[in-house]
Amino acid sequence: MGELLDALNSADAGIAPEGPTDKSAAEKAAETIQSASRRVSDVIETGRQPGMPLDTLARLVRQAPLHSLAIAFLLGVAISRRR
């Protein structure tokens, strides 16, 4: 058993790089998610500026919250029935 362990350790030593390693897949995924969330956040902030669609929608929802809720519910039902 010791010989097998020694052979595996020596094989691993030949494969592992000695210098700095590249980023792991988890680190790359985390960076990608952070970048995407920053872009989405920027787009939302742009859409909330006065006169933009999100600003208009927010004002309409504040003026008539029950009507907006009913419309959102009906849109949800219509979309879910198509699938």
Protein backbone atom coordinates (compact mmCIF):
# COMPACT_ATOMS: atom_id res chain seq x y z
CA MET A 1 0.00 0.00 0.00
CA GLY A 2 2.89 2.35 0.76
CA GLU A 3 4.39 1.82 -2.68
CA LEU A 4 1.11 2.76 -4.34
CA LEU A 5 0.86 5.91 -2.24
CA ASP A 6 4.45 6.86 -3.09
CA ALA A 7 3.77 6.30 -6.80
CA LEU A 8 0.65 8.48 -6.68
CA ASN A 9 2.44 11.24 -4.81
CA SER A 10 5.31 11.27 -7.29
CA ALA A 11 2.86 11.36 -10.21
CA ASP A 12 1.03 14.30 -8.62
CA ALA A 13 4.30 16.14 -8.07
CA GLY A 14 5.05 15.93 -11.80
CA ILE A 15 1.66 17.33 -12.77
CA ALA A 16 1.27 20.20 -10.31
CA PRO A 17 2.78 23.49 -11.50
CA GLU A 18 5.39 25.06 -9.27
CA GLY A 19 4.57 28.68 -10.11
CA PRO A 20 1.41 30.65 -9.45
CA THR A 21 -1.70 28.76 -10.45
CA ASP A 22 -4.50 30.02 -12.63
CA LYS A 23 -7.81 30.98 -11.10
CA SER A 24 -10.09 28.14 -10.17
CA ALA A 25 -13.40 27.59 -11.88
CA ALA A 26 -15.21 28.86 -8.79
CA GLU A 27 -13.25 32.12 -8.83
CA LYS A 28 -13.94 32.60 -12.55
CA ALA A 29 -17.64 31.92 -11.99
CA ALA A 30 -17.74 34.38 -9.09
CA GLU A 31 -16.10 37.09 -11.21
CA THR A 32 -18.54 36.45 -14.06
CA ILE A 33 -21.53 36.70 -11.73
CA GLN A 34 -20.22 39.90 -10.16
CA SER A 35 -19.63 41.44 -13.57
CA ALA A 36 -23.12 40.49 -14.75
CA SER A 37 -24.73 41.86 -11.60
CA ARG A 38 -22.86 45.16 -12.02
CA ARG A 39 -24.09 45.45 -15.61
CA VAL A 40 -27.68 44.69 -14.62
CA SER A 41 -27.46 47.20 -11.76
CA ASP A 42 -26.16 49.87 -14.15
CA VAL A 43 -29.00 49.21 -16.60
CA ILE A 44 -31.58 49.41 -13.82
CA GLU A 45 -30.14 52.70 -12.59
CA THR A 46 -30.25 54.07 -16.14
CA GLY A 47 -33.87 52.95 -16.49
CA ARG A 48 -34.85 54.70 -13.25
CA GLN A 49 -33.81 58.14 -14.46
CA PRO A 50 -36.73 60.56 -14.96
CA GLY A 51 -38.63 59.90 -18.16
CA MET A 52 -37.25 56.39 -18.61
CA PRO A 53 -39.54 53.31 -18.67
CA LEU A 54 -38.81 52.10 -15.13
CA ASP A 55 -39.50 55.55 -13.72
CA THR A 56 -42.83 55.70 -15.56
CA LEU A 57 -43.75 52.21 -14.38
CA ALA A 58 -42.85 53.05 -10.78
CA ARG A 59 -45.04 56.16 -10.88
CA LEU A 60 -47.98 54.20 -12.28
CA VAL A 61 -47.62 51.54 -9.60
CA ARG A 62 -47.57 54.19 -6.87
CA GLN A 63 -50.71 55.82 -8.25
CA ALA A 64 -52.74 52.60 -8.66
CA PRO A 65 -51.19 49.69 -6.75
CA LEU A 66 -54.22 47.36 -6.89
CA HIS A 67 -54.67 47.85 -10.62
CA SER A 68 -50.97 47.16 -11.15
CA LEU A 69 -51.19 44.01 -9.06
CA ALA A 70 -54.17 42.78 -11.04
CA ILE A 71 -52.41 43.44 -14.34
CA ALA A 72 -49.26 41.64 -13.15
CA PHE A 73 -51.37 38.67 -12.02
CA LEU A 74 -53.18 38.44 -15.35
CA LEU A 75 -49.91 38.68 -17.27
CA GLY A 76 -48.49 35.89 -15.12
CA VAL A 77 -51.50 33.68 -15.79
CA ALA A 78 -51.33 34.38 -19.53
CA ILE A 79 -47.61 33.57 -19.69
CA SER A 80 -47.90 30.41 -17.60
CA ARG A 81 -50.78 29.02 -19.68
CA ARG A 82 -48.71 29.24 -22.87
CA ARG A 83 -46.10 26.88 -21.47
